Amino acid sequence: MNTEMNQLDNQEFVLEPEWELTEEDAREIKESLGDNLDLLDMFDEQTKRENELSQEWYDKEAKEDEYQKFLEKL
């Protein structure tokens, strides 16, 4: 096992050359990010609306419970 480790230590690692970002690449990345951000905004809006609807439902349930208790007292 030590021999294998020494062989790995002695290997030369060749790094890939750096990728050159062109204007077209930058534009494509920006468009892609924009699409993703639009999706995130849509998700946030949907989540916000779902939370509002849930709150409305809980409020309605609470009012109905109060009304039912009121009727029971009568």
PDB file of N, CA and C in Angstrom:
ATOM      1  N   MET A   1       0.821  -1.193   0.000  1.00  0.00           N
ATOM      2  CA  MET A   1       0.000   0.000   0.000  1.00  0.00           C
ATOM      3  C   MET A   1       0.864   1.256   0.000  1.00  0.00           C
ATOM      4  N   ASN A   2       1.975   1.218   0.724  1.00  0.00           N
ATOM      5  CA  ASN A   2       2.873   2.366   0.740  1.00  0.00           C
ATOM      6  C   ASN A   2       3.431   2.652  -0.649  1.00  0.00           C
ATOM      7  N   THR A   3       3.676   1.594  -1.401  1.00  0.00           N
ATOM      8  CA  THR A   3       4.189   1.776  -2.757  1.00  0.00           C
ATOM      9  C   THR A   3       3.165   2.505  -3.617  1.00  0.00           C
ATOM     10  N   GLU A   4       1.908   2.096  -3.464  1.00  0.00           N
ATOM     11  CA  GLU A   4       0.840   2.755  -4.227  1.00  0.00           C
ATOM     12  C   GLU A   4       0.727   4.224  -3.836  1.00  0.00           C
ATOM     13  N   MET A   5       0.843   4.490  -2.559  1.00  0.00           N
ATOM     14  CA  MET A   5       0.756   5.871  -2.086  1.00  0.00           C
ATOM     15  C   MET A   5       1.922   6.698  -2.637  1.00  0.00           C
ATOM     16  N   ASN A   6       3.113   6.131  -2.643  1.00  0.00           N
ATOM     17  CA  ASN A   6       4.281   6.844  -3.168  1.00  0.00           C
ATOM     18  C   ASN A   6       4.119   7.125  -4.655  1.00  0.00           C
ATOM     19  N   GLN A   7       3.542   6.150  -5.393  1.00  0.00           N
ATOM     20  CA  GLN A   7       3.332   6.360  -6.825  1.00  0.00           C
ATOM     21  C   GLN A   7       2.371   7.513  -7.051  1.00  0.00           C
ATOM     22  N   LEU A   8       1.308   7.573  -6.237  1.00  0.00           N
ATOM     23  CA  LEU A   8       0.363   8.669  -6.368  1.00  0.00           C
ATOM     24  C   LEU A   8       1.019  10.005  -6.040  1.00  0.00           C
ATOM     25  N   ASP A   9       1.865  10.010  -5.013  1.00  0.00           N
ATOM     26  CA  ASP A   9       2.544  11.240  -4.618  1.00  0.00           C
ATOM     27  C   ASP A   9       3.496  11.724  -5.707  1.00  0.00           C
ATOM     28  N   ASN A  10       4.078  10.810  -6.434  1.00  0.00           N
ATOM     29  CA  ASN A  10       5.079  11.166  -7.439  1.00  0.00           C
ATOM     30  C   ASN A  10       4.468  11.533  -8.792  1.00  0.00           C
ATOM     31  N   GLN A  11       3.179  11.304  -8.963  1.00  0.00           N
ATOM     32  CA  GLN A  11       2.545  11.637 -10.239  1.00  0.00           C
ATOM     33  C   GLN A  11       2.457  13.152 -10.395  1.00  0.00           C
ATOM     34  N   GLU A  12       2.641  13.576 -11.623  1.00  0.00           N
ATOM     35  CA  GLU A  12       2.469  14.998 -11.915  1.00  0.00           C
ATOM     36  C   GLU A  12       1.035  15.206 -12.379  1.00  0.00           C
ATOM     37  N   PHE A  13       0.414  16.184 -11.817  1.00  0.00           N
ATOM     38  CA  PHE A  13      -0.952  16.487 -12.204  1.00  0.00           C
ATOM     39  C   PHE A  13      -0.935  17.627 -13.209  1.00  0.00           C
ATOM     40  N   VAL A  14      -1.612  17.405 -14.299  1.00  0.00           N
ATOM     41  CA  VAL A  14      -1.691  18.434 -15.327  1.00  0.00           C
ATOM     42  C   VAL A  14      -3.029  19.128 -15.187  1.00  0.00           C
ATOM     43  N   LEU A  15      -2.969  20.423 -14.966  1.00  0.00           N
ATOM     44  CA  LEU A  15      -4.192  21.195 -14.832  1.00  0.00           C
ATOM     45  C   LEU A  15      -4.697  21.596 -16.208  1.00  0.00           C
ATOM     46  N   GLU A  16      -5.999  21.610 -16.349  1.00  0.00           N
ATOM     47  CA  GLU A  16      -6.599  22.045 -17.609  1.00  0.00           C
ATOM     48  C   GLU A  16      -6.333  23.538 -17.778  1.00  0.00           C
ATOM     49  N   PRO A  17      -6.183  23.969 -19.015  1.00  0.00           N
ATOM     50  CA  PRO A  17      -6.017  25.420 -19.218  1.00  0.00           C
ATOM     51  C   PRO A  17      -7.292  26.141 -18.816  1.00  0.00           C
ATOM     52  N   GLU A  18      -7.140  27.380 -18.391  1.00  0.00           N
ATOM     53  CA  GLU A  18      -8.308  28.148 -17.953  1.00  0.00           C
ATOM     54  C   GLU A  18      -9.243  28.388 -19.126  1.00  0.00           C
ATOM     55  N   TRP A  19     -10.517  28.360 -18.826  1.00  0.00           N
ATOM     56  CA  TRP A  19     -11.535  28.568 -19.843  1.00  0.00           C
ATOM     57  C   TRP A  19     -11.696  30.063 -20.054  1.00  0.00           C
ATOM     58  N   GLU A  20     -11.671  30.479 -21.283  1.00  0.00           N
ATOM     59  CA  GLU A  20     -11.817  31.898 -21.584  1.00  0.00           C
ATOM     60  C   GLU A  20     -13.283  32.210 -21.819  1.00  0.00           C
ATOM     61  N   LEU A  21     -13.789  33.125 -21.052  1.00  0.00           N
ATOM     62  CA  LEU A  21     -15.192  33.506 -21.132  1.00  0.00           C
ATOM     63  C   LEU A  21     -15.371  34.536 -22.244  1.00  0.00           C
ATOM     64  N   THR A  22     -16.199  34.164 -23.221  1.00  0.00           N
ATOM     65  CA  THR A  22     -16.465  35.100 -24.306  1.00  0.00           C
ATOM     66  C   THR A  22     -17.694  35.928 -23.970  1.00  0.00           C
ATOM     67  N   GLU A  23     -17.909  36.964 -24.727  1.00  0.00           N
ATOM     68  CA  GLU A  23     -19.078  37.814 -24.510  1.00  0.00           C
ATOM     69  C   GLU A  23     -20.358  37.007 -24.722  1.00  0.00           C
ATOM     70  N   GLU A  24     -20.335  36.141 -25.723  1.00  0.00           N
ATOM     71  CA  GLU A  24     -21.512  35.298 -25.991  1.00  0.00           C
ATOM     72  C   GLU A  24     -21.776  34.349 -24.821  1.00  0.00           C
ATOM     73  N   ASP A  25     -20.705  33.754 -24.266  1.00  0.00           N
ATOM     74  CA  ASP A  25     -20.862  32.876 -23.100  1.00  0.00           C
ATOM     75  C   ASP A  25     -21.463  33.647 -21.932  1.00  0.00           C
ATOM     76  N   ALA A  26     -20.964  34.854 -21.710  1.00  0.00           N
ATOM     77  CA  ALA A  26     -21.454  35.676 -20.606  1.00  0.00           C
ATOM     78  C   ALA A  26     -22.935  35.993 -20.800  1.00  0.00           C
ATOM     79  N   ARG A  27     -23.333  36.309 -22.043  1.00  0.00           N
ATOM     80  CA  ARG A  27     -24.728  36.626 -22.336  1.00  0.00           C
ATOM     81  C   ARG A  27     -25.620  35.401 -22.077  1.00  0.00           C
ATOM     82  N   GLU A  28     -25.156  34.209 -22.512  1.00  0.00           N
ATOM     83  CA  GLU A  28     -25.928  32.985 -22.291  1.00  0.00           C
ATOM     84  C   GLU A  28     -26.076  32.683 -20.794  1.00  0.00           C
ATOM     85  N   ILE A  29     -25.002  32.885 -20.047  1.00  0.00           N
ATOM     86  CA  ILE A  29     -25.056  32.646 -18.595  1.00  0.00           C
ATOM     87  C   ILE A  29     -26.031  33.617 -17.950  1.00  0.00           C
ATOM     88  N   LYS A  30     -25.958  34.878 -18.359  1.00  0.00           N
ATOM     89  CA  LYS A  30     -26.848  35.893 -17.793  1.00  0.00           C
ATOM     90  C   LYS A  30     -28.303  35.564 -18.105  1.00  0.00           C
ATOM     91  N   GLU A  31     -28.591  35.146 -19.338  1.00  0.00           N
ATOM     92  CA  GLU A  31     -29.956  34.778 -19.710  1.00  0.00           C
ATOM     93  C   GLU A  31     -30.433  33.577 -18.905  1.00  0.00           C
ATOM     94  N   SER A  32     -29.551  32.601 -18.740  1.00  0.00           N
ATOM     95  CA  SER A  32     -29.901  31.401 -17.978  1.00  0.00           C
ATOM     96  C   SER A  32     -30.190  31.756 -16.522  1.00  0.00           C
ATOM     97  N   LEU A  33     -29.355  32.602 -15.945  1.00  0.00           N
ATOM     98  CA  LEU A  33     -29.584  33.030 -14.563  1.00  0.00           C
ATOM     99  C   LEU A  33     -30.878  33.817 -14.454  1.00  0.00           C
ATOM    100  N   GLY A  34     -31.156  34.634 -15.446  1.00  0.00           N
ATOM    101  CA  GLY A  34     -32.393  35.403 -15.450  1.00  0.00           C
ATOM    102  C   GLY A  34     -33.603  34.497 -15.448  1.00  0.00           C
ATOM    103  N   ASP A  35     -33.558  33.444 -16.269  1.00  0.00           N
ATOM    104  CA  ASP A  35     -34.662  32.478 -16.300  1.00  0.00           C
ATOM    105  C   ASP A  35     -34.838  31.823 -14.940  1.00  0.00           C
ATOM    106  N   ASN A  36     -33.733  31.452 -14.317  1.00  0.00           N
ATOM    107  CA  ASN A  36     -33.804  30.812 -13.002  1.00  0.00           C
ATOM    108  C   ASN A  36     -34.327  31.777 -11.948  1.00  0.00           C
ATOM    109  N   LEU A  37     -33.906  33.032 -12.033  1.00  0.00           N
ATOM    110  CA  LEU A  37     -34.382  34.019 -11.072  1.00  0.00           C
ATOM    111  C   LEU A  37     -35.874  34.256 -11.248  1.00  0.00           C
ATOM    112  N   ASP A  38     -36.336  34.247 -12.516  1.00  0.00           N
ATOM    113  CA  ASP A  38     -37.769  34.391 -12.764  1.00  0.00           C
ATOM    114  C   ASP A  38     -38.534  33.239 -12.131  1.00  0.00           C
ATOM    115  N   LEU A  39     -37.990  32.031 -12.255  1.00  0.00           N
ATOM    116  CA  LEU A  39     -38.643  30.865 -11.651  1.00  0.00           C
ATOM    117  C   LEU A  39     -38.670  30.986 -10.130  1.00  0.00           C
ATOM    118  N   LEU A  40     -37.578  31.480  -9.548  1.00  0.00           N
ATOM    119  CA  LEU A  40     -37.536  31.664  -8.096  1.00  0.00           C
ATOM    120  C   LEU A  40     -38.559  32.696  -7.654  1.00  0.00           C
ATOM    121  N   ASP A  41     -38.682  33.771  -8.421  1.00  0.00           N
ATOM    122  CA  ASP A  41     -39.682  34.794  -8.096  1.00  0.00           C
ATOM    123  C   ASP A  41     -41.088  34.204  -8.165  1.00  0.00           C
ATOM    124  N   MET A  42     -41.347  33.403  -9.201  1.00  0.00           N
ATOM    125  CA  MET A  42     -42.665  32.776  -9.337  1.00  0.00           C
ATOM    126  C   MET A  42     -42.926  31.841  -8.156  1.00  0.00           C
ATOM    127  N   PHE A  43     -41.913  31.078  -7.756  1.00  0.00           N
ATOM    128  CA  PHE A  43     -42.048  30.171  -6.625  1.00  0.00           C
ATOM    129  C   PHE A  43     -42.314  30.954  -5.339  1.00  0.00           C
ATOM    130  N   ASP A  44     -41.581  32.058  -5.151  1.00  0.00           N
ATOM    131  CA  ASP A  44     -41.781  32.886  -3.963  1.00  0.00           C
ATOM    132  C   ASP A  44     -43.193  33.458  -3.923  1.00  0.00           C
ATOM    133  N   GLU A  45     -43.676  33.913  -5.074  1.00  0.00           N
ATOM    134  CA  GLU A  45     -45.038  34.458  -5.142  1.00  0.00           C
ATOM    135  C   GLU A  45     -46.071  33.381  -4.833  1.00  0.00           C
ATOM    136  N   GLN A  46     -45.849  32.182  -5.381  1.00  0.00           N
ATOM    137  CA  GLN A  46     -46.780  31.082  -5.138  1.00  0.00           C
ATOM    138  C   GLN A  46     -46.773  30.705  -3.659  1.00  0.00           C
ATOM    139  N   THR A  47     -45.596  30.626  -3.072  1.00  0.00           N
ATOM    140  CA  THR A  47     -45.483  30.292  -1.654  1.00  0.00           C
ATOM    141  C   THR A  47     -46.164  31.359  -0.803  1.00  0.00           C
ATOM    142  N   LYS A  48     -45.961  32.612  -1.156  1.00  0.00           N
ATOM    143  CA  LYS A  48     -46.592  33.711  -0.423  1.00  0.00           C
ATOM    144  C   LYS A  48     -48.110  33.589  -0.506  1.00  0.00           C
ATOM    145  N   ARG A  49     -48.637  33.318  -1.695  1.00  0.00           N
ATOM    146  CA  ARG A  49     -50.086  33.187  -1.874  1.00  0.00           C
ATOM    147  C   ARG A  49     -50.623  31.994  -1.097  1.00  0.00           C
ATOM    148  N   GLU A  50     -49.896  30.867  -1.132  1.00  0.00           N
ATOM    149  CA  GLU A  50     -50.317  29.689  -0.369  1.00  0.00           C
ATOM    150  C   GLU A  50     -50.354  29.997   1.123  1.00  0.00           C
ATOM    151  N   ASN A  51     -49.379  30.740   1.604  1.00  0.00           N
ATOM    152  CA  ASN A  51     -49.363  31.123   3.018  1.00  0.00           C
ATOM    153  C   ASN A  51     -50.547  32.016   3.362  1.00  0.00           C
ATOM    154  N   GLU A  52     -50.860  32.950   2.457  1.00  0.00           N
ATOM    155  CA  GLU A  52     -52.012  33.829   2.684  1.00  0.00           C
ATOM    156  C   GLU A  52     -53.307  33.024   2.727  1.00  0.00           C
ATOM    157  N   LEU A  53     -53.461  32.081   1.785  1.00  0.00           N
ATOM    158  CA  LEU A  53     -54.664  31.250   1.757  1.00  0.00           C
ATOM    159  C   LEU A  53     -54.775  30.380   3.004  1.00  0.00           C
ATOM    160  N   SER A  54     -53.643  29.852   3.445  1.00  0.00           N
ATOM    161  CA  SER A  54     -53.644  29.038   4.670  1.00  0.00           C
ATOM    162  C   SER A  54     -54.077  29.877   5.860  1.00  0.00           C
ATOM    163  N   GLN A  55     -53.561  31.093   5.948  1.00  0.00           N
ATOM    164  CA  GLN A  55     -53.930  31.976   7.055  1.00  0.00           C
ATOM    165  C   GLN A  55     -55.410  32.311   7.005  1.00  0.00           C
ATOM    166  N   GLU A  56     -55.914  32.589   5.796  1.00  0.00           N
ATOM    167  CA  GLU A  56     -57.344  32.870   5.652  1.00  0.00           C
ATOM    168  C   GLU A  56     -58.176  31.670   6.115  1.00  0.00           C
ATOM    169  N   TRP A  57     -57.741  30.480   5.739  1.00  0.00           N
ATOM    170  CA  TRP A  57     -58.472  29.267   6.118  1.00  0.00           C
ATOM    171  C   TRP A  57     -58.467  29.096   7.643  1.00  0.00           C
ATOM    172  N   TYR A  58     -57.298  29.278   8.261  1.00  0.00           N
ATOM    173  CA  TYR A  58     -57.215  29.155   9.720  1.00  0.00           C
ATOM    174  C   TYR A  58     -58.070  30.209  10.411  1.00  0.00           C
ATOM    175  N   ASP A  59     -58.061  31.429   9.877  1.00  0.00           N
ATOM    176  CA  ASP A  59     -58.893  32.493  10.454  1.00  0.00           C
ATOM    177  C   ASP A  59     -60.371  32.130  10.346  1.00  0.00           C
ATOM    178  N   LYS A  60     -60.768  31.613   9.195  1.00  0.00           N
ATOM    179  CA  LYS A  60     -62.157  31.218   8.993  1.00  0.00           C
ATOM    180  C   LYS A  60     -62.543  30.092   9.954  1.00  0.00           C
ATOM    181  N   GLU A  61     -61.655  29.113  10.113  1.00  0.00           N
ATOM    182  CA  GLU A  61     -61.910  28.005  11.037  1.00  0.00           C
ATOM    183  C   GLU A  61     -62.053  28.521  12.472  1.00  0.00           C
ATOM    184  N   ALA A  62     -61.198  29.460  12.854  1.00  0.00           N
ATOM    185  CA  ALA A  62     -61.255  30.012  14.209  1.00  0.00           C
ATOM    186  C   ALA A  62     -62.577  30.744  14.433  1.00  0.00           C
ATOM    187  N   LYS A  63     -63.015  31.510  13.436  1.00  0.00           N
ATOM    188  CA  LYS A  63     -64.296  32.218  13.557  1.00  0.00           C
ATOM    189  C   LYS A  63     -65.455  31.226  13.649  1.00  0.00           C
ATOM    190  N   GLU A  64     -65.396  30.176  12.850  1.00  0.00           N
ATOM    191  CA  GLU A  64     -66.453  29.165  12.902  1.00  0.00           C
ATOM    192  C   GLU A  64     -66.480  28.466  14.263  1.00  0.00           C
ATOM    193  N   ASP A  65     -65.311  28.204  14.830  1.00  0.00           N
ATOM    194  CA  ASP A  65     -65.236  27.600  16.166  1.00  0.00           C
ATOM    195  C   ASP A  65     -65.841  28.524  17.214  1.00  0.00           C
ATOM    196  N   GLU A  66     -65.496  29.817  17.116  1.00  0.00           N
ATOM    197  CA  GLU A  66     -66.062  30.790  18.055  1.00  0.00           C
ATOM    198  C   GLU A  66     -67.583  30.846  17.923  1.00  0.00           C
ATOM    199  N   TYR A  67     -68.076  30.853  16.702  1.00  0.00           N
ATOM    200  CA  TYR A  67     -69.512  30.902  16.457  1.00  0.00           C
ATOM    201  C   TYR A  67     -70.194  29.646  17.002  1.00  0.00           C
ATOM    202  N   GLN A  68     -69.563  28.486  16.797  1.00  0.00           N
ATOM    203  CA  GLN A  68     -70.123  27.228  17.298  1.00  0.00           C
ATOM    204  C   GLN A  68     -70.182  27.241  18.830  1.00  0.00           C
ATOM    205  N   LYS A  69     -69.139  27.751  19.476  1.00  0.00           N
ATOM    206  CA  LYS A  69     -69.156  27.849  20.931  1.00  0.00           C
ATOM    207  C   LYS A  69     -70.240  28.806  21.419  1.00  0.00           C
ATOM    208  N   PHE A  70     -70.415  29.907  20.684  1.00  0.00           N
ATOM    209  CA  PHE A  70     -71.472  30.860  21.008  1.00  0.00           C
ATOM    210  C   PHE A  70     -72.841  30.196  20.930  1.00  0.00           C
ATOM    211  N   LEU A  71     -73.064  29.424  19.858  1.00  0.00           N
ATOM    212  CA  LEU A  71     -74.349  28.727  19.693  1.00  0.00           C
ATOM    213  C   LEU A  71     -74.577  27.694  20.783  1.00  0.00           C
ATOM    214  N   GLU A  72     -73.502  27.027  21.207  1.00  0.00           N
ATOM    215  CA  GLU A  72     -73.622  26.022  22.253  1.00  0.00           C
ATOM    216  C   GLU A  72     -74.026  26.661  23.584  1.00  0.00           C
ATOM    217  N   LYS A  73     -73.559  27.882  23.821  1.00  0.00           N
ATOM    218  CA  LYS A  73     -73.896  28.567  25.066  1.00  0.00           C
ATOM    219  C   LYS A  73     -75.373  28.965  25.119  1.00  0.00           C
ATOM    220  N   LEU A  74     -75.948  29.169  23.940  1.00  0.00           N
ATOM    221  CA  LEU A  74     -77.340  29.577  23.886  1.00  0.00           C
ATOM    222  C   LEU A  74     -78.185  28.404  24.224  1.00  0.00           C
TER     223      LEU A  74
END
